[in-house]
N, C-alpha and C. Protein backbone atom coordinates (compact mmCIF):
# COMPACT_ATOMS: atom_id res chain seq x y z
N UNK A 1 98.55 108.99 88.28
CA UNK A 1 99.67 108.40 87.62
C UNK A 1 100.23 107.11 88.40
N UNK A 2 100.94 106.16 87.72
CA UNK A 2 101.26 105.04 88.52
C UNK A 2 102.77 105.37 89.22
N UNK A 3 102.71 105.18 90.40
CA UNK A 3 103.87 104.84 91.51
C UNK A 3 104.09 103.73 92.12
N UNK A 4 105.63 103.13 91.89
CA UNK A 4 105.79 102.66 92.92
C UNK A 4 106.82 103.12 93.70
N UNK A 5 106.58 102.86 95.22
CA UNK A 5 107.98 103.23 96.07
C UNK A 5 108.21 102.32 96.88
N UNK A 6 109.70 102.17 97.07
CA UNK A 6 110.41 100.87 97.93
C UNK A 6 110.90 101.22 99.01
N UNK A 7 110.86 100.75 100.00
CA UNK A 7 111.30 100.89 101.56
C UNK A 7 112.06 99.79 102.25
N UNK A 8 112.44 99.92 103.16
CA UNK A 8 112.93 98.75 104.20
C UNK A 8 114.61 98.32 103.92
N UNK A 9 114.88 99.24 103.02
CA UNK A 9 116.82 98.83 102.92
C UNK A 9 117.46 99.31 104.06
N UNK A 10 118.76 99.19 104.29
CA UNK A 10 119.77 99.54 105.62
C UNK A 10 120.89 98.45 105.44
N UNK A 11 121.22 98.64 106.40
CA UNK A 11 122.44 98.38 106.75
C UNK A 11 122.27 97.36 107.84
N UNK A 12 122.60 95.72 107.36
CA UNK A 12 122.49 94.56 107.90
C UNK A 12 123.94 93.46 108.23
N UNK A 13 123.70 93.14 109.38
CA UNK A 13 125.07 92.00 108.98
C UNK A 13 125.02 90.57 108.27
N UNK A 14 126.00 90.24 107.98
CA UNK A 14 125.68 88.94 107.52
C UNK A 14 125.08 87.71 107.84
N UNK A 15 123.92 87.06 107.82
CA UNK A 15 123.21 86.12 108.38
C UNK A 15 121.84 86.68 108.61
N UNK A 16 121.70 88.09 108.58
CA UNK A 16 120.76 88.99 109.03
C UNK A 16 119.48 89.29 107.84
N UNK A 17 118.44 89.44 108.75
CA UNK A 17 117.06 89.92 107.43
C UNK A 17 116.48 90.92 107.70
N UNK A 18 116.01 91.16 106.52
CA UNK A 18 115.51 92.18 106.08
C UNK A 18 114.21 92.25 105.42
N UNK A 19 113.21 92.96 105.16
CA UNK A 19 111.76 93.10 104.24
C UNK A 19 111.95 94.36 103.41
N UNK A 20 112.09 94.58 102.76
CA UNK A 20 111.19 95.25 101.42
C UNK A 20 110.10 95.60 101.41
N UNK A 21 109.44 96.49 100.94
CA UNK A 21 107.96 96.98 100.54
C UNK A 21 108.35 97.36 98.80
N UNK A 22 107.27 97.77 98.60
CA UNK A 22 106.98 98.15 97.28
C UNK A 22 105.68 98.26 97.18
N UNK A 23 105.57 99.51 97.41
CA UNK A 23 104.08 100.32 97.64
C UNK A 23 103.52 100.84 96.34
N UNK A 24 102.17 100.39 96.11
CA UNK A 24 101.91 101.00 94.27
C UNK A 24 100.76 101.92 94.47
N UNK A 25 100.76 103.05 94.14
CA UNK A 25 99.99 103.99 93.80
C UNK A 25 99.30 104.07 92.37
N UNK A 26 98.03 104.22 92.29
CA UNK A 26 97.74 104.38 90.53
C UNK A 26 97.71 102.95 90.09
N UNK A 27 97.53 101.91 90.70
CA UNK A 27 97.87 100.65 89.99
C UNK A 27 97.10 99.82 90.81
N UNK A 28 96.39 98.62 90.75
CA UNK A 28 96.43 97.48 91.60
C UNK A 28 97.23 96.34 91.65
N UNK A 29 97.73 95.75 92.55
CA UNK A 29 99.18 94.83 92.69
C UNK A 29 98.46 93.68 92.10
N UNK A 30 97.33 93.29 92.68
CA UNK A 30 96.55 92.12 92.19
C UNK A 30 96.45 91.77 90.71
N UNK A 31 96.57 93.03 89.98
CA UNK A 31 96.14 92.85 88.17
C UNK A 31 97.35 92.73 87.45
N UNK A 32 98.55 92.68 88.36
CA UNK A 32 100.15 92.86 87.38
C UNK A 32 100.82 91.61 88.31
N UNK A 33 101.45 91.29 87.15
CA UNK A 33 102.90 90.72 87.48
C UNK A 33 103.60 91.32 87.72
N UNK A 34 105.00 90.99 88.43
CA UNK A 34 105.55 91.96 89.41
C UNK A 34 107.29 91.48 89.55
N UNK A 35 108.40 92.37 89.32
CA UNK A 35 109.83 91.71 89.30
C UNK A 35 110.67 92.57 90.86
N UNK A 36 111.36 91.90 91.53
CA UNK A 36 112.41 92.36 92.04
C UNK A 36 113.69 91.99 91.27
N UNK A 37 114.39 93.48 91.07
CA UNK A 37 115.75 93.55 90.55
C UNK A 37 116.79 93.97 91.63
N UNK A 38 117.82 93.34 91.31
CA UNK A 38 119.18 94.26 92.39
C UNK A 38 119.88 94.59 91.00
N UNK A 39 120.47 95.81 91.84
CA UNK A 39 121.73 96.58 91.14
C UNK A 39 122.98 96.74 92.19
N UNK A 40 123.78 95.88 92.29
CA UNK A 40 125.18 95.46 93.35
C UNK A 40 126.02 96.43 92.66
N UNK A 41 126.55 96.72 93.64
CA UNK A 41 127.55 98.04 93.19
C UNK A 41 128.53 97.96 92.32
N UNK A 42 128.85 98.62 90.90
CA UNK A 42 129.60 98.50 90.09
C UNK A 42 129.23 97.48 88.80
N UNK A 43 127.37 96.86 89.12
CA UNK A 43 127.38 95.82 88.51
C UNK A 43 126.39 96.06 87.51
N UNK A 44 125.71 95.20 86.76
CA UNK A 44 124.77 95.21 85.80
C UNK A 44 123.50 95.31 86.53
N UNK A 45 122.19 95.69 86.71
CA UNK A 45 120.90 95.23 87.51
C UNK A 45 120.35 93.71 86.77
N UNK A 46 119.98 93.27 87.56
CA UNK A 46 119.85 91.79 87.43
C UNK A 46 118.34 91.38 88.33
N UNK A 47 117.54 90.53 87.46
CA UNK A 47 116.55 89.96 87.94
C UNK A 47 116.94 89.27 89.53
N UNK A 48 116.06 89.42 90.06
CA UNK A 48 115.88 88.34 91.66
C UNK A 48 114.69 87.74 91.83
N UNK A 49 113.70 88.08 91.51
CA UNK A 49 112.82 87.29 91.56
C UNK A 49 111.31 87.97 90.60
N UNK A 50 110.83 86.91 90.39
CA UNK A 50 109.24 87.60 89.66
C UNK A 50 107.92 86.96 89.95
N UNK A 51 107.05 87.97 90.05
CA UNK A 51 105.53 87.28 90.71
C UNK A 51 104.70 87.65 90.12
N UNK A 52 104.15 86.10 89.56
CA UNK A 52 102.96 86.56 88.65
C UNK A 52 101.57 87.19 89.12
N UNK A 53 100.58 87.07 88.46
CA UNK A 53 99.72 87.78 89.27
C UNK A 53 99.16 86.27 89.56
N UNK A 54 98.76 85.56 89.40
CA UNK A 54 98.72 83.93 89.72
C UNK A 54 99.72 83.03 89.55
N UNK A 55 100.13 82.14 90.09
CA UNK A 55 101.31 80.93 90.40
C UNK A 55 102.33 81.23 90.75
N UNK A 56 103.49 80.46 90.31
CA UNK A 56 104.55 80.19 91.44
C UNK A 56 105.84 81.59 91.16
N UNK A 57 105.98 81.95 92.14
CA UNK A 57 106.71 83.04 92.04
C UNK A 57 108.29 82.08 91.45
N UNK A 58 109.07 83.28 90.65
CA UNK A 58 110.34 82.76 89.95
C UNK A 58 111.31 83.14 91.09
N UNK A 59 112.53 82.53 91.57
CA UNK A 59 113.67 83.13 92.19
C UNK A 59 114.79 82.48 91.34
N UNK A 60 115.67 83.59 91.45
CA UNK A 60 117.09 83.22 90.85
C UNK A 60 117.63 81.85 91.72
N UNK A 61 118.63 81.77 91.25
CA UNK A 61 119.48 80.38 92.28
C UNK A 61 119.81 81.01 93.60
N UNK A 62 120.86 82.30 93.24
CA UNK A 62 121.41 82.19 94.48
C UNK A 62 120.15 82.78 95.76
N UNK A 63 119.07 82.88 95.24
CA UNK A 63 117.98 83.62 96.46
C UNK A 63 116.94 82.27 96.82
N UNK A 64 117.16 81.52 96.32
CA UNK A 64 116.20 80.20 96.65
C UNK A 64 116.10 80.13 98.21
N UNK A 65 115.11 79.45 98.79
CA UNK A 65 115.21 79.14 99.69
C UNK A 65 115.66 80.65 100.89
N UNK A 66 115.66 81.42 100.58
CA UNK A 66 116.40 82.57 101.46
C UNK A 66 115.01 83.60 101.20
N UNK A 67 114.86 84.12 100.06
CA UNK A 67 113.75 85.48 99.97
C UNK A 67 112.96 84.65 99.57
N UNK A 68 111.87 85.50 100.06
CA UNK A 68 110.22 85.38 99.74
C UNK A 68 109.45 86.28 99.12
N UNK A 69 108.70 86.28 98.00
CA UNK A 69 108.45 87.54 97.66
C UNK A 69 106.42 87.15 98.01
N UNK A 70 106.20 88.59 98.31
CA UNK A 70 104.58 88.07 98.58
C UNK A 70 103.81 89.52 99.09
N UNK A 71 102.39 89.36 98.63
CA UNK A 71 101.36 90.76 98.25
C UNK A 71 100.62 90.64 99.56
N UNK A 72 100.24 91.78 99.53
CA UNK A 72 99.48 92.29 100.34
C UNK A 72 98.35 93.21 99.89
N UNK A 73 97.29 92.52 98.99
CA UNK A 73 96.22 93.31 98.01
C UNK A 73 95.57 94.20 98.91
N UNK A 74 95.31 94.18 99.83
CA UNK A 74 94.19 95.05 100.57
C UNK A 74 94.91 96.30 100.65
N UNK A 75 96.54 96.13 101.14
CA UNK A 75 97.52 97.58 101.22
C UNK A 75 97.89 98.10 99.58
N UNK A 76 97.50 97.02 98.93
CA UNK A 76 98.48 97.56 97.72
C UNK A 76 99.88 97.57 97.80
N UNK A 77 100.51 96.50 98.58
CA UNK A 77 101.81 96.31 98.81
C UNK A 77 102.44 95.28 98.22
N UNK A 78 103.66 95.10 97.69
CA UNK A 78 104.54 93.87 97.36
C UNK A 78 105.73 93.91 98.35
N UNK A 79 105.71 92.67 99.20
CA UNK A 79 106.83 92.68 99.87
C UNK A 79 108.48 91.33 99.37
N UNK A 80 109.56 91.99 100.10
CA UNK A 80 110.63 91.17 99.26
C UNK A 80 111.22 90.71 101.21
N UNK A 81 110.68 89.63 101.46
CA UNK A 81 111.51 89.24 102.60
C UNK A 81 113.17 88.05 102.35
N UNK A 82 114.02 88.88 102.91
CA UNK A 82 115.40 88.35 102.47
C UNK A 82 115.63 87.77 103.79
N UNK A 83 115.99 86.39 103.95
CA UNK A 83 116.74 85.84 105.20
C UNK A 83 118.47 85.65 104.70
N UNK A 84 118.65 85.33 106.10
CA UNK A 84 120.37 84.47 105.99
C UNK A 84 121.36 85.42 104.52
N UNK A 85 120.94 86.83 104.97
CA UNK A 85 121.76 87.70 104.02
C UNK A 85 123.19 87.53 103.91
N UNK A 86 123.71 87.58 102.81
CA UNK A 86 125.39 87.41 102.30
C UNK A 86 125.83 89.12 101.50
N UNK A 87 127.09 89.24 101.65
CA UNK A 87 127.32 90.11 101.31
C UNK A 87 127.03 90.32 99.74
N UNK A 88 127.18 89.51 99.07
CA UNK A 88 126.57 89.65 97.26
C UNK A 88 125.30 89.77 97.35
N UNK A 89 124.65 90.20 98.49
CA UNK A 89 122.68 90.40 98.05
C UNK A 89 122.92 92.18 98.15
N UNK A 90 124.37 92.74 98.51
CA UNK A 90 124.58 93.77 98.58
C UNK A 90 124.16 94.99 97.41
N UNK A 91 123.33 96.15 97.33
CA UNK A 91 123.05 96.92 96.53
C UNK A 91 121.95 97.70 96.22
N UNK A 92 121.17 98.39 95.32
CA UNK A 92 119.61 99.14 95.22
C UNK A 92 118.95 97.94 94.82
N UNK A 93 117.84 97.54 95.44
CA UNK A 93 117.05 97.02 94.78
C UNK A 93 115.70 97.61 94.65
N UNK A 94 115.41 97.25 93.33
CA UNK A 94 114.25 97.95 92.74
C UNK A 94 113.20 96.99 92.48
N UNK A 95 111.61 97.59 92.44
CA UNK A 95 110.65 96.50 92.19
C UNK A 95 110.53 97.40 90.55
N UNK A 96 109.23 96.33 89.97
CA UNK A 96 108.82 96.56 88.49
C UNK A 96 107.53 95.92 88.81
N UNK A 97 106.47 97.04 87.91
CA UNK A 97 105.21 96.46 87.47
C UNK A 97 104.74 97.45 86.51
N UNK A 98 104.25 96.80 85.55
CA UNK A 98 103.35 97.49 84.37
C UNK A 98 104.08 98.73 84.20
N UNK A 99 105.70 98.38 83.70
CA UNK A 99 106.28 99.27 83.00
C UNK A 99 106.96 100.61 83.79
N UNK A 100 106.37 100.18 85.15
CA UNK A 100 107.20 101.22 86.22
C UNK A 100 107.79 100.54 86.92
N UNK A 101 109.04 101.77 87.23
CA UNK A 101 109.98 101.02 88.41
C UNK A 101 109.65 102.31 89.47
N UNK A 102 110.42 101.60 90.74
CA UNK A 102 110.29 102.69 91.53
C UNK A 102 111.62 103.01 91.89
N UNK A 103 112.25 103.90 92.93
CA UNK A 103 112.90 104.87 92.72
C UNK A 103 114.05 104.09 93.76
N UNK A 104 113.88 102.68 93.84
CA UNK A 104 114.93 101.46 94.58
C UNK A 104 115.21 101.65 96.21
N UNK A 105 115.55 100.95 96.88
CA UNK A 105 116.20 100.91 98.03
C UNK A 105 117.10 100.68 98.31
N UNK A 106 118.23 100.83 99.19
CA UNK A 106 119.71 100.51 99.27
C UNK A 106 119.85 99.35 100.22
N UNK A 107 120.22 98.48 99.91
CA UNK A 107 120.81 97.10 101.04
C UNK A 107 122.10 97.10 101.14
N UNK A 108 122.75 96.97 102.24
CA UNK A 108 124.31 96.65 102.60
C UNK A 108 124.50 95.60 103.69
N UNK A 109 124.82 94.54 102.93
CA UNK A 109 125.36 93.76 104.26
C UNK A 109 126.37 93.72 104.13
N UNK A 110 126.67 93.58 105.76
CA UNK A 110 128.59 93.64 106.02
C UNK A 110 128.51 93.48 107.23
N UNK A 111 129.68 93.34 108.09
CA UNK A 111 130.05 93.28 109.36
C UNK A 111 130.63 94.17 109.57
């Protein structure tokens, strides 16, 4: 059964960095496009970035130049590297691939 498991969230000060991981099992990440999503506290879920199977990753304007999606196909993991974090980046981050959602990982940006 396909499954995605996120990790790497935590509490970080504004301006800090975190790298989230999305480990896939039961599916091969190199075969699929995927997305990272954020649900801020009290707000709806929204797209952060989409990474196609091949080609250019799309980022929403608010995270461009700060966030980077990368893949380790050997380990079957997709990463979201987040730099220069802002309070507005806080919330639960989810990865999505091939109809499967991960359970989410909490990111809190606060001093």
